[in-house]
Amino acid sequence: MTELSVAISQQSGRHDHPCDFWLRGYVKDVVYGGPIANLAELKNRITQHIHNITTETLRFVVEHSVLRFQLIGENGGQHIENFLSKSFSRKPTSFS
Protein backbone atom coordinates (compact mmCIF):
# COMPACT_ATOMS: atom_id res chain seq x y z
CA MET A 1 0.00 0.00 0.00
CA THR A 2 1.10 3.57 -0.56
CA GLU A 3 1.75 5.95 2.32
CA LEU A 4 -1.40 7.83 1.35
CA SER A 5 -3.54 4.71 1.54
CA VAL A 6 -2.02 3.67 4.87
CA ALA A 7 -3.02 7.02 6.35
CA ILE A 8 -6.52 6.74 4.89
CA SER A 9 -6.96 3.13 6.03
CA GLN A 10 -5.96 4.07 9.57
CA GLN A 11 -8.65 6.75 9.59
CA SER A 12 -11.42 4.85 7.85
CA GLY A 13 -10.66 1.24 8.69
CA ARG A 14 -10.35 0.41 4.97
CA HIS A 15 -7.25 -1.19 3.52
CA ASP A 16 -7.58 -0.31 -0.15
CA HIS A 17 -7.57 3.11 -1.76
CA PRO A 18 -8.56 3.64 -5.41
CA CYS A 19 -5.02 4.81 -6.20
CA ASP A 20 -3.74 1.45 -4.95
CA PHE A 21 -5.93 -0.35 -7.48
CA TRP A 22 -4.39 1.76 -10.25
CA LEU A 23 -0.87 1.21 -8.90
CA ARG A 24 -1.32 -2.55 -8.60
CA GLY A 25 -2.74 -2.78 -12.10
CA TYR A 26 0.04 -0.66 -13.61
CA VAL A 27 2.83 -2.54 -11.81
CA LYS A 28 1.31 -5.90 -12.70
CA ASP A 29 1.11 -4.93 -16.38
CA VAL A 30 4.70 -3.70 -16.67
CA VAL A 31 6.38 -6.18 -14.31
CA TYR A 32 4.78 -9.29 -15.78
CA GLY A 33 5.20 -8.10 -19.38
CA GLY A 34 7.79 -10.79 -19.96
CA PRO A 35 9.18 -13.93 -18.34
CA ILE A 36 10.75 -13.59 -14.88
CA ALA A 37 13.72 -15.83 -14.11
CA ASN A 38 13.71 -15.67 -10.31
CA LEU A 39 12.56 -13.81 -7.20
CA ALA A 40 15.47 -11.35 -7.32
CA GLU A 41 14.51 -10.31 -10.86
CA LEU A 42 10.88 -9.89 -9.80
CA LYS A 43 11.89 -7.64 -6.90
CA ASN A 44 14.19 -5.61 -9.16
CA ARG A 45 11.47 -5.11 -11.78
CA ILE A 46 8.95 -3.98 -9.18
CA THR A 47 11.42 -1.51 -7.69
CA GLN A 48 12.48 -0.20 -11.11
CA HIS A 49 8.94 0.38 -12.35
CA ILE A 50 7.78 2.01 -9.12
CA HIS A 51 10.69 4.46 -9.34
CA ASN A 52 9.89 5.19 -13.00
CA ILE A 53 6.38 6.50 -12.26
CA THR A 54 6.47 10.28 -12.68
CA THR A 55 5.06 12.83 -10.27
CA GLU A 56 2.82 14.06 -13.07
CA THR A 57 1.32 10.60 -13.51
CA LEU A 58 0.69 10.18 -9.78
CA ARG A 59 -0.91 13.63 -9.63
CA PHE A 60 -3.19 12.72 -12.54
CA VAL A 61 -4.26 9.47 -10.85
CA VAL A 62 -5.17 11.29 -7.62
CA GLU A 63 -7.03 14.05 -9.49
CA HIS A 64 -8.89 11.42 -11.51
CA SER A 65 -9.92 9.64 -8.30
CA VAL A 66 -11.19 12.90 -6.78
CA LEU A 67 -13.26 13.60 -9.90
CA ARG A 68 -14.70 10.07 -9.78
CA PHE A 69 -15.70 10.61 -6.13
CA GLN A 70 -17.37 13.90 -7.06
CA LEU A 71 -19.33 12.18 -9.85
CA ILE A 72 -20.42 9.43 -7.46
CA GLY A 73 -21.60 12.07 -4.98
CA GLU A 74 -23.48 13.98 -7.66
CA ASN A 75 -25.09 10.72 -8.82
CA GLY A 76 -26.36 9.81 -5.35
CA GLY A 77 -23.76 7.08 -4.87
CA GLN A 78 -24.88 5.18 -7.96
CA HIS A 79 -22.70 3.73 -10.70
CA ILE A 80 -20.93 6.30 -12.86
CA GLU A 81 -19.37 4.21 -15.63
CA ASN A 82 -21.77 5.68 -18.20
CA PHE A 83 -20.35 9.16 -17.43
CA LEU A 84 -16.68 8.19 -17.48
CA SER A 85 -16.17 7.97 -21.23
CA LYS A 86 -17.48 11.54 -21.54
CA SER A 87 -15.72 12.95 -18.48
CA PHE A 88 -12.24 11.42 -18.62
CA SER A 89 -10.79 11.40 -22.09
CA ARG A 90 -7.20 12.07 -20.96
CA LYS A 91 -5.24 9.06 -19.71
CA PRO A 92 -1.83 9.00 -18.04
CA THR A 93 0.77 8.23 -20.66
CA SER A 94 4.12 9.10 -19.10
CA PHE A 95 5.58 6.35 -16.95
CA SER A 96 9.29 7.06 -17.28
PDB file of N, CA and C in Angstrom:
ATOM      1  N   MET A   1       0.842  -1.186   0.000  1.00  0.00           N
ATOM      2  CA  MET A   1       0.000   0.000   0.000  1.00  0.00           C
ATOM      3  C   MET A   1       0.883   1.244   0.000  1.00  0.00           C
ATOM      4  N   THR A   2       0.369   2.310  -0.551  1.00  0.00           N
ATOM      5  CA  THR A   2       1.100   3.565  -0.564  1.00  0.00           C
ATOM      6  C   THR A   2       0.976   4.240   0.790  1.00  0.00           C
ATOM      7  N   GLU A   3       1.843   5.217   1.062  1.00  0.00           N
ATOM      8  CA  GLU A   3       1.754   5.950   2.325  1.00  0.00           C
ATOM      9  C   GLU A   3       0.405   6.638   2.456  1.00  0.00           C
ATOM     10  N   LEU A   4      -0.096   7.170   1.343  1.00  0.00           N
ATOM     11  CA  LEU A   4      -1.398   7.826   1.349  1.00  0.00           C
ATOM     12  C   LEU A   4      -2.489   6.858   1.764  1.00  0.00           C
ATOM     13  N   SER A   5      -2.478   5.663   1.219  1.00  0.00           N
ATOM     14  CA  SER A   5      -3.540   4.715   1.543  1.00  0.00           C
ATOM     15  C   SER A   5      -3.417   4.189   2.964  1.00  0.00           C
ATOM     16  N   VAL A   6      -2.196   4.093   3.484  1.00  0.00           N
ATOM     17  CA  VAL A   6      -2.020   3.667   4.873  1.00  0.00           C
ATOM     18  C   VAL A   6      -2.665   4.686   5.796  1.00  0.00           C
ATOM     19  N   ALA A   7      -2.423   5.974   5.531  1.00  0.00           N
ATOM     20  CA  ALA A   7      -3.019   7.024   6.355  1.00  0.00           C
ATOM     21  C   ALA A   7      -4.538   6.985   6.267  1.00  0.00           C
ATOM     22  N   ILE A   8      -5.065   6.791   5.078  1.00  0.00           N
ATOM     23  CA  ILE A   8      -6.515   6.737   4.895  1.00  0.00           C
ATOM     24  C   ILE A   8      -7.095   5.503   5.573  1.00  0.00           C
ATOM     25  N   SER A   9      -6.425   4.355   5.432  1.00  0.00           N
ATOM     26  CA  SER A   9      -6.964   3.132   6.026  1.00  0.00           C
ATOM     27  C   SER A   9      -6.962   3.210   7.545  1.00  0.00           C
ATOM     28  N   GLN A  10      -5.990   3.916   8.120  1.00  0.00           N
ATOM     29  CA  GLN A  10      -5.965   4.070   9.570  1.00  0.00           C
ATOM     30  C   GLN A  10      -7.137   4.921  10.041  1.00  0.00           C
ATOM     31  N   GLN A  11      -7.537   5.885   9.220  1.00  0.00           N
ATOM     32  CA  GLN A  11      -8.649   6.751   9.588  1.00  0.00           C
ATOM     33  C   GLN A  11      -9.994   6.089   9.332  1.00  0.00           C
ATOM     34  N   SER A  12     -10.110   5.363   8.249  1.00  0.00           N
ATOM     35  CA  SER A  12     -11.418   4.851   7.852  1.00  0.00           C
ATOM     36  C   SER A  12     -11.617   3.368   8.128  1.00  0.00           C
ATOM     37  N   GLY A  13     -10.552   2.666   8.478  1.00  0.00           N
ATOM     38  CA  GLY A  13     -10.660   1.237   8.686  1.00  0.00           C
ATOM     39  C   GLY A  13     -10.580   0.437   7.404  1.00  0.00           C
ATOM     40  N   ARG A  14     -10.444   1.099   6.263  1.00  0.00           N
ATOM     41  CA  ARG A  14     -10.349   0.410   4.972  1.00  0.00           C
ATOM     42  C   ARG A  14      -8.889   0.173   4.649  1.00  0.00           C
ATOM     43  N   HIS A  15      -8.630  -0.849   3.858  1.00  0.00           N
ATOM     44  CA  HIS A  15      -7.254  -1.191   3.519  1.00  0.00           C
ATOM     45  C   HIS A  15      -6.899  -0.920   2.074  1.00  0.00           C
ATOM     46  N   ASP A  16      -7.858  -0.581   1.251  1.00  0.00           N
ATOM     47  CA  ASP A  16      -7.577  -0.305  -0.151  1.00  0.00           C
ATOM     48  C   ASP A  16      -8.062   1.085  -0.511  1.00  0.00           C
ATOM     49  N   HIS A  17      -7.251   1.773  -1.255  1.00  0.00           N
ATOM     50  CA  HIS A  17      -7.569   3.107  -1.755  1.00  0.00           C
ATOM     51  C   HIS A  17      -7.622   2.995  -3.272  1.00  0.00           C
ATOM     52  N   PRO A  18      -8.477   3.747  -3.949  1.00  0.00           N
ATOM     53  CA  PRO A  18      -8.556   3.643  -5.413  1.00  0.00           C
ATOM     54  C   PRO A  18      -7.215   3.807  -6.113  1.00  0.00           C
ATOM     55  N   CYS A  19      -6.340   4.640  -5.571  1.00  0.00           N
ATOM     56  CA  CYS A  19      -5.025   4.808  -6.197  1.00  0.00           C
ATOM     57  C   CYS A  19      -4.212   3.518  -6.117  1.00  0.00           C
ATOM     58  N   ASP A  20      -4.438   2.732  -5.057  1.00  0.00           N
ATOM     59  CA  ASP A  20      -3.744   1.450  -4.948  1.00  0.00           C
ATOM     60  C   ASP A  20      -4.184   0.487  -6.043  1.00  0.00           C
ATOM     61  N   PHE A  21      -5.460   0.516  -6.394  1.00  0.00           N
ATOM     62  CA  PHE A  21      -5.934  -0.345  -7.476  1.00  0.00           C
ATOM     63  C   PHE A  21      -5.242   0.019  -8.776  1.00  0.00           C
ATOM     64  N   TRP A  22      -5.099   1.324  -9.039  1.00  0.00           N
ATOM     65  CA  TRP A  22      -4.395   1.764 -10.248  1.00  0.00           C
ATOM     66  C   TRP A  22      -2.938   1.315 -10.188  1.00  0.00           C
ATOM     67  N   LEU A  23      -2.281   1.545  -9.035  1.00  0.00           N
ATOM     68  CA  LEU A  23      -0.868   1.207  -8.899  1.00  0.00           C
ATOM     69  C   LEU A  23      -0.642  -0.285  -9.082  1.00  0.00           C
ATOM     70  N   ARG A  24      -1.465  -1.104  -8.444  1.00  0.00           N
ATOM     71  CA  ARG A  24      -1.319  -2.551  -8.600  1.00  0.00           C
ATOM     72  C   ARG A  24      -1.499  -2.973 -10.048  1.00  0.00           C
ATOM     73  N   GLY A  25      -2.491  -2.427 -10.706  1.00  0.00           N
ATOM     74  CA  GLY A  25      -2.736  -2.777 -12.103  1.00  0.00           C
ATOM     75  C   GLY A  25      -1.593  -2.364 -13.002  1.00  0.00           C
ATOM     76  N   TYR A  26      -1.076  -1.153 -12.799  1.00  0.00           N
ATOM     77  CA  TYR A  26       0.039  -0.663 -13.606  1.00  0.00           C
ATOM     78  C   TYR A  26       1.275  -1.527 -13.387  1.00  0.00           C
ATOM     79  N   VAL A  27       1.626  -1.751 -12.121  1.00  0.00           N
ATOM     80  CA  VAL A  27       2.829  -2.536 -11.813  1.00  0.00           C
ATOM     81  C   VAL A  27       2.686  -3.953 -12.358  1.00  0.00           C
ATOM     82  N   LYS A  28       1.534  -4.547 -12.186  1.00  0.00           N
ATOM     83  CA  LYS A  28       1.314  -5.903 -12.705  1.00  0.00           C
ATOM     84  C   LYS A  28       1.524  -5.942 -14.216  1.00  0.00           C
ATOM     85  N   ASP A  29       0.970  -4.964 -14.925  1.00  0.00           N
ATOM     86  CA  ASP A  29       1.111  -4.932 -16.383  1.00  0.00           C
ATOM     87  C   ASP A  29       2.565  -4.818 -16.821  1.00  0.00           C
ATOM     88  N   VAL A  30       3.324  -3.910 -16.201  1.00  0.00           N
ATOM     89  CA  VAL A  30       4.701  -3.700 -16.665  1.00  0.00           C
ATOM     90  C   VAL A  30       5.667  -4.750 -16.132  1.00  0.00           C
ATOM     91  N   VAL A  31       5.459  -5.202 -14.911  1.00  0.00           N
ATOM     92  CA  VAL A  31       6.382  -6.176 -14.314  1.00  0.00           C
ATOM     93  C   VAL A  31       6.234  -7.546 -14.973  1.00  0.00           C
ATOM     94  N   TYR A  32       5.014  -7.963 -15.219  1.00  0.00           N
ATOM     95  CA  TYR A  32       4.781  -9.287 -15.785  1.00  0.00           C
ATOM     96  C   TYR A  32       4.672  -9.254 -17.302  1.00  0.00           C
ATOM     97  N   GLY A  33       5.229  -8.217 -17.928  1.00  0.00           N
ATOM     98  CA  GLY A  33       5.196  -8.095 -19.380  1.00  0.00           C
ATOM     99  C   GLY A  33       6.052  -9.121 -20.096  1.00  0.00           C
ATOM    100  N   GLY A  34       6.932  -9.770 -19.386  1.00  0.00           N
ATOM    101  CA  GLY A  34       7.794 -10.793 -19.963  1.00  0.00           C
ATOM    102  C   GLY A  34       8.127 -11.830 -18.914  1.00  0.00           C
ATOM    103  N   PRO A  35       8.845 -12.872 -19.301  1.00  0.00           N
ATOM    104  CA  PRO A  35       9.184 -13.928 -18.339  1.00  0.00           C
ATOM    105  C   PRO A  35      10.108 -13.409 -17.233  1.00  0.00           C
ATOM    106  N   ILE A  36       9.946 -13.967 -16.046  1.00  0.00           N
ATOM    107  CA  ILE A  36      10.755 -13.594 -14.883  1.00  0.00           C
ATOM    108  C   ILE A  36      11.530 -14.832 -14.454  1.00  0.00           C
ATOM    109  N   ALA A  37      12.851 -14.685 -14.372  1.00  0.00           N
ATOM    110  CA  ALA A  37      13.716 -15.835 -14.106  1.00  0.00           C
ATOM    111  C   ALA A  37      13.700 -16.279 -12.648  1.00  0.00           C
ATOM    112  N   ASN A  38      13.614 -15.310 -11.719  1.00  0.00           N
ATOM    113  CA  ASN A  38      13.710 -15.667 -10.306  1.00  0.00           C
ATOM    114  C   ASN A  38      13.139 -14.545  -9.438  1.00  0.00           C
ATOM    115  N   LEU A  39      13.120 -14.777  -8.139  1.00  0.00           N
ATOM    116  CA  LEU A  39      12.559 -13.809  -7.199  1.00  0.00           C
ATOM    117  C   LEU A  39      13.341 -12.498  -7.200  1.00  0.00           C
ATOM    118  N   ALA A  40      14.648 -12.571  -7.302  1.00  0.00           N
ATOM    119  CA  ALA A  40      15.466 -11.352  -7.318  1.00  0.00           C
ATOM    120  C   ALA A  40      15.101 -10.472  -8.514  1.00  0.00           C
ATOM    121  N   GLU A  41      14.897 -11.083  -9.675  1.00  0.00           N
ATOM    122  CA  GLU A  41      14.510 -10.314 -10.860  1.00  0.00           C
ATOM    123  C   GLU A  41      13.129  -9.688 -10.665  1.00  0.00           C
ATOM    124  N   LEU A  42      12.209 -10.427 -10.072  1.00  0.00           N
ATOM    125  CA  LEU A  42      10.877  -9.891  -9.803  1.00  0.00           C
ATOM    126  C   LEU A  42      10.971  -8.658  -8.901  1.00  0.00           C
ATOM    127  N   LYS A  43      11.731  -8.770  -7.818  1.00  0.00           N
ATOM    128  CA  LYS A  43      11.892  -7.637  -6.900  1.00  0.00           C
ATOM    129  C   LYS A  43      12.525  -6.441  -7.604  1.00  0.00           C
ATOM    130  N   ASN A  44      13.532  -6.696  -8.432  1.00  0.00           N
ATOM    131  CA  ASN A  44      14.188  -5.607  -9.158  1.00  0.00           C
ATOM    132  C   ASN A  44      13.230  -4.923 -10.126  1.00  0.00           C
ATOM    133  N   ARG A  45      12.436  -5.696 -10.832  1.00  0.00           N
ATOM    134  CA  ARG A  45      11.471  -5.111 -11.776  1.00  0.00           C
ATOM    135  C   ARG A  45      10.446  -4.245 -11.054  1.00  0.00           C
ATOM    136  N   ILE A  46       9.929  -4.758  -9.948  1.00  0.00           N
ATOM    137  CA  ILE A  46       8.949  -3.981  -9.183  1.00  0.00           C
ATOM    138  C   ILE A  46       9.559  -2.661  -8.745  1.00  0.00           C
ATOM    139  N   THR A  47      10.745  -2.717  -8.154  1.00  0.00           N
ATOM    140  CA  THR A  47      11.421  -1.505  -7.690  1.00  0.00           C
ATOM    141  C   THR A  47      11.671  -0.545  -8.841  1.00  0.00           C
ATOM    142  N   GLN A  48      12.175  -1.044  -9.945  1.00  0.00           N
ATOM    143  CA  GLN A  48      12.479  -0.204 -11.107  1.00  0.00           C
ATOM    144  C   GLN A  48      11.229   0.508 -11.611  1.00  0.00           C
ATOM    145  N   HIS A  49      10.145  -0.220 -11.775  1.00  0.00           N
ATOM    146  CA  HIS A  49       8.943   0.379 -12.348  1.00  0.00           C
ATOM    147  C   HIS A  49       8.250   1.336 -11.383  1.00  0.00           C
ATOM    148  N   ILE A  50       8.324   1.069 -10.101  1.00  0.00           N
ATOM    149  CA  ILE A  50       7.777   2.010  -9.116  1.00  0.00           C
ATOM    150  C   ILE A  50       8.547   3.324  -9.190  1.00  0.00           C
ATOM    151  N   HIS A  51       9.870   3.246  -9.272  1.00  0.00           N
ATOM    152  CA  HIS A  51      10.692   4.462  -9.339  1.00  0.00           C
ATOM    153  C   HIS A  51      10.519   5.212 -10.654  1.00  0.00           C
ATOM    154  N   ASN A  52      10.068   4.545 -11.703  1.00  0.00           N
ATOM    155  CA  ASN A  52       9.887   5.192 -13.004  1.00  0.00           C
ATOM    156  C   ASN A  52       8.558   5.929 -13.147  1.00  0.00           C
ATOM    157  N   ILE A  53       7.661   5.792 -12.189  1.00  0.00           N
ATOM    158  CA  ILE A  53       6.381   6.503 -12.263  1.00  0.00           C
ATOM    159  C   ILE A  53       6.639   7.971 -11.952  1.00  0.00           C
ATOM    160  N   THR A  54       6.204   8.853 -12.844  1.00  0.00           N
ATOM    161  CA  THR A  54       6.471  10.282 -12.679  1.00  0.00           C
ATOM    162  C   THR A  54       5.496  10.922 -11.693  1.00  0.00           C
ATOM    163  N   THR A  55       5.916  12.043 -11.146  1.00  0.00           N
ATOM    164  CA  THR A  55       5.057  12.826 -10.266  1.00  0.00           C
ATOM    165  C   THR A  55       3.802  13.269 -11.009  1.00  0.00           C
ATOM    166  N   GLU A  56       3.964  13.639 -12.265  1.00  0.00           N
ATOM    167  CA  GLU A  56       2.816  14.063 -13.074  1.00  0.00           C
ATOM    168  C   GLU A  56       1.779  12.945 -13.184  1.00  0.00           C
ATOM    169  N   THR A  57       2.236  11.734 -13.395  1.00  0.00           N
ATOM    170  CA  THR A  57       1.320  10.601 -13.513  1.00  0.00           C
ATOM    171  C   THR A  57       0.595  10.352 -12.195  1.00  0.00           C
ATOM    172  N   LEU A  58       1.320  10.383 -11.088  1.00  0.00           N
ATOM    173  CA  LEU A  58       0.686  10.181  -9.783  1.00  0.00           C
ATOM    174  C   LEU A  58      -0.332  11.281  -9.498  1.00  0.00           C
ATOM    175  N   ARG A  59       0.012  12.513  -9.832  1.00  0.00           N
ATOM    176  CA  ARG A  59      -0.910  13.631  -9.630  1.00  0.00           C
ATOM    177  C   ARG A  59      -2.191  13.409 -10.444  1.00  0.00           C
ATOM    178  N   PHE A  60      -2.031  12.979 -11.692  1.00  0.00           N
ATOM    179  CA  PHE A  60      -3.195  12.717 -12.539  1.00  0.00           C
ATOM    180  C   PHE A  60      -4.082  11.636 -11.928  1.00  0.00           C
ATOM    181  N   VAL A  61      -3.488  10.578 -11.425  1.00  0.00           N
ATOM    182  CA  VAL A  61      -4.261   9.472 -10.848  1.00  0.00           C
ATOM    183  C   VAL A  61      -5.073   9.954  -9.650  1.00  0.00           C
ATOM    184  N   VAL A  62      -4.452  10.763  -8.787  1.00  0.00           N
ATOM    185  CA  VAL A  62      -5.166  11.286  -7.618  1.00  0.00           C
ATOM    186  C   VAL A  62      -6.291  12.223  -8.062  1.00  0.00           C
ATOM    187  N   GLU A  63      -6.001  13.129  -8.999  1.00  0.00           N
ATOM    188  CA  GLU A  63      -7.029  14.051  -9.489  1.00  0.00           C
ATOM    189  C   GLU A  63      -8.191  13.277 -10.124  1.00  0.00           C
ATOM    190  N   HIS A  64      -7.874  12.250 -10.875  1.00  0.00           N
ATOM    191  CA  HIS A  64      -8.892  11.416 -11.514  1.00  0.00           C
ATOM    192  C   HIS A  64      -9.772  10.754 -10.449  1.00  0.00           C
ATOM    193  N   SER A  65      -9.158  10.266  -9.380  1.00  0.00           N
ATOM    194  CA  SER A  65      -9.925   9.638  -8.297  1.00  0.00           C
ATOM    195  C   SER A  65     -10.859  10.646  -7.641  1.00  0.00           C
ATOM    196  N   VAL A  66     -10.361  11.855  -7.394  1.00  0.00           N
ATOM    197  CA  VAL A  66     -11.192  12.897  -6.782  1.00  0.00           C
ATOM    198  C   VAL A  66     -12.391  13.205  -7.678  1.00  0.00           C
ATOM    199  N   LEU A  67     -12.155  13.332  -8.974  1.00  0.00           N
ATOM    200  CA  LEU A  67     -13.257  13.601  -9.902  1.00  0.00           C
ATOM    201  C   LEU A  67     -14.274  12.462  -9.917  1.00  0.00           C
ATOM    202  N   ARG A  68     -13.788  11.227  -9.832  1.00  0.00           N
ATOM    203  CA  ARG A  68     -14.704  10.074  -9.777  1.00  0.00           C
ATOM    204  C   ARG A  68     -15.562  10.142  -8.518  1.00  0.00           C
ATOM    205  N   PHE A  69     -14.944  10.493  -7.381  1.00  0.00           N
ATOM    206  CA  PHE A  69     -15.704  10.606  -6.132  1.00  0.00           C
ATOM    207  C   PHE A  69     -16.758  11.702  -6.242  1.00  0.00           C
ATOM    208  N   GLN A  70     -16.405  12.818  -6.877  1.00  0.00           N
ATOM    209  CA  GLN A  70     -17.372  13.900  -7.063  1.00  0.00           C
ATOM    210  C   GLN A  70     -18.546  13.434  -7.923  1.00  0.00           C
ATOM    211  N   LEU A  71     -18.255  12.709  -8.998  1.00  0.00           N
ATOM    212  CA  LEU A  71     -19.329  12.183  -9.849  1.00  0.00           C
ATOM    213  C   LEU A  71     -20.228  11.216  -9.081  1.00  0.00           C
ATOM    214  N   ILE A  72     -19.633  10.371  -8.263  1.00  0.00           N
ATOM    215  CA  ILE A  72     -20.416   9.432  -7.457  1.00  0.00           C
ATOM    216  C   ILE A  72     -21.333  10.200  -6.518  1.00  0.00           C
ATOM    217  N   GLY A  73     -20.783  11.248  -5.870  1.00  0.00           N
ATOM    218  CA  GLY A  73     -21.599  12.069  -4.977  1.00  0.00           C
ATOM    219  C   GLY A  73     -22.738  12.748  -5.702  1.00  0.00           C
ATOM    220  N   GLU A  74     -22.455  13.295  -6.871  1.00  0.00           N
ATOM    221  CA  GLU A  74     -23.482  13.978  -7.665  1.00  0.00           C
ATOM    222  C   GLU A  74     -24.536  13.005  -8.194  1.00  0.00           C
ATOM    223  N   ASN A  75     -24.172  11.739  -8.299  1.00  0.00           N
ATOM    224  CA  ASN A  75     -25.087  10.722  -8.821  1.00  0.00           C
ATOM    225  C   ASN A  75     -25.733   9.918  -7.687  1.00  0.00           C
ATOM    226  N   GLY A  76     -25.702  10.460  -6.486  1.00  0.00           N
ATOM    227  CA  GLY A  76     -26.356   9.810  -5.354  1.00  0.00           C
ATOM    228  C   GLY A  76     -25.735   8.490  -4.952  1.00  0.00           C
ATOM    229  N   GLY A  77     -24.453   8.311  -5.233  1.00  0.00           N
ATOM    230  CA  GLY A  77     -23.765   7.084  -4.868  1.00  0.00           C
ATOM    231  C   GLY A  77     -23.949   5.948  -5.854  1.00  0.00           C
ATOM    232  N   GLN A  78     -24.619   6.206  -6.952  1.00  0.00           N
ATOM    233  CA  GLN A  78     -24.882   5.178  -7.955  1.00  0.00           C
ATOM    234  C   GLN A  78     -23.686   5.002  -8.888  1.00  0.00           C
ATOM    235  N   HIS A  79     -23.759   3.998  -9.729  1.00  0.00           N
ATOM    236  CA  HIS A  79     -22.700   3.726 -10.700  1.00  0.00           C
ATOM    237  C   HIS A  79     -22.494   4.919 -11.617  1.00  0.00           C
ATOM    238  N   ILE A  80     -21.241   5.134 -12.027  1.00  0.00           N
ATOM    239  CA  ILE A  80     -20.925   6.299 -12.861  1.00  0.00           C
ATOM    240  C   ILE A  80     -20.237   5.916 -14.160  1.00  0.00           C
ATOM    241  N   GLU A  81     -20.118   4.639 -14.455  1.00  0.00           N
ATOM    242  CA  GLU A  81     -19.375   4.205 -15.634  1.00  0.00           C
ATOM    243  C   GLU A  81     -19.893   4.840 -16.917  1.00  0.00           C
ATOM    244  N   ASN A  82     -21.213   5.074 -16.992  1.00  0.00           N
ATOM    245  CA  ASN A  82     -21.768   5.677 -18.200  1.00  0.00           C
ATOM    246  C   ASN A  82     -21.306   7.120 -18.394  1.00  0.00           C
ATOM    247  N   PHE A  83     -20.854   7.791 -17.324  1.00  0.00           N
ATOM    248  CA  PHE A  83     -20.350   9.156 -17.430  1.00  0.00           C
ATOM    249  C   PHE A  83     -18.862   9.200 -17.739  1.00  0.00           C
ATOM    250  N   LEU A  84     -18.141   8.149 -17.420  1.00  0.00           N
ATOM    251  CA  LEU A  84     -16.684   8.190 -17.478  1.00  0.00           C
ATOM    252  C   LEU A  84     -16.142   8.412 -18.873  1.00  0.00           C
ATOM    253  N   SER A  85     -16.703   7.802 -19.877  1.00  0.00           N
ATOM    254  CA  SER A  85     -16.169   7.974 -21.230  1.00  0.00           C
ATOM    255  C   SER A  85     -16.304   9.420 -21.689  1.00  0.00           C
ATOM    256  N   LYS A  86     -17.288  10.130 -21.188  1.00  0.00           N
ATOM    257  CA  LYS A  86     -17.475  11.536 -21.538  1.00  0.00           C
ATOM    258  C   LYS A  86     -16.593  12.441 -20.689  1.00  0.00           C
ATOM    259  N   SER A  87     -16.386  12.068 -19.429  1.00  0.00           N
ATOM    260  CA  SER A  87     -15.717  12.953 -18.483  1.00  0.00           C
ATOM    261  C   SER A  87     -14.206  12.838 -18.485  1.00  0.00           C
ATOM    262  N   PHE A  88     -13.670  11.650 -18.767  1.00  0.00           N
ATOM    263  CA  PHE A  88     -12.237  11.423 -18.620  1.00  0.00           C
ATOM    264  C   PHE A  88     -11.641  10.921 -19.921  1.00  0.00           C
ATOM    265  N   SER A  89     -11.369  11.821 -20.817  1.00  0.00           N
ATOM    266  CA  SER A  89     -10.790  11.400 -22.093  1.00  0.00           C
ATOM    267  C   SER A  89      -9.278  11.343 -22.027  1.00  0.00           C
ATOM    268  N   ARG A  90      -8.654  12.049 -21.088  1.00  0.00           N
ATOM    269  CA  ARG A  90      -7.203  12.066 -20.960  1.00  0.00           C
ATOM    270  C   ARG A  90      -6.774  10.913 -20.075  1.00  0.00           C
ATOM    271  N   LYS A  91      -5.756  10.177 -20.500  1.00  0.00           N
ATOM    272  CA  LYS A  91      -5.237   9.063 -19.714  1.00  0.00           C
ATOM    273  C   LYS A  91      -3.769   9.317 -19.437  1.00  0.00           C
ATOM    274  N   PRO A  92      -3.259   8.824 -18.300  1.00  0.00           N
ATOM    275  CA  PRO A  92      -1.831   9.003 -18.036  1.00  0.00           C
ATOM    276  C   PRO A  92      -1.013   8.231 -19.062  1.00  0.00           C
ATOM    277  N   THR A  93      -0.027   8.888 -19.631  1.00  0.00           N
ATOM    278  CA  THR A  93       0.770   8.234 -20.665  1.00  0.00           C
ATOM    279  C   THR A  93       2.249   8.213 -20.335  1.00  0.00           C
ATOM    280  N   SER A  94       2.695   8.988 -19.377  1.00  0.00           N
ATOM    281  CA  SER A  94       4.121   9.100 -19.099  1.00  0.00           C
ATOM    282  C   SER A  94       4.480   8.287 -17.866  1.00  0.00           C
ATOM    283  N   PHE A  95       5.187   7.199 -18.066  1.00  0.00           N
ATOM    284  CA  PHE A  95       5.578   6.349 -16.948  1.00  0.00           C
ATOM    285  C   PHE A  95       7.083   6.284 -16.774  1.00  0.00           C
ATOM    286  N   SER A  96       7.834   7.124 -17.440  1.00  0.00           N
ATOM    287  CA  SER A  96       9.285   7.059 -17.279  1.00  0.00           C
ATOM    288  C   SER A  96       9.862   8.429 -17.090  1.00  0.00           C
TER     289      SER A  96
END
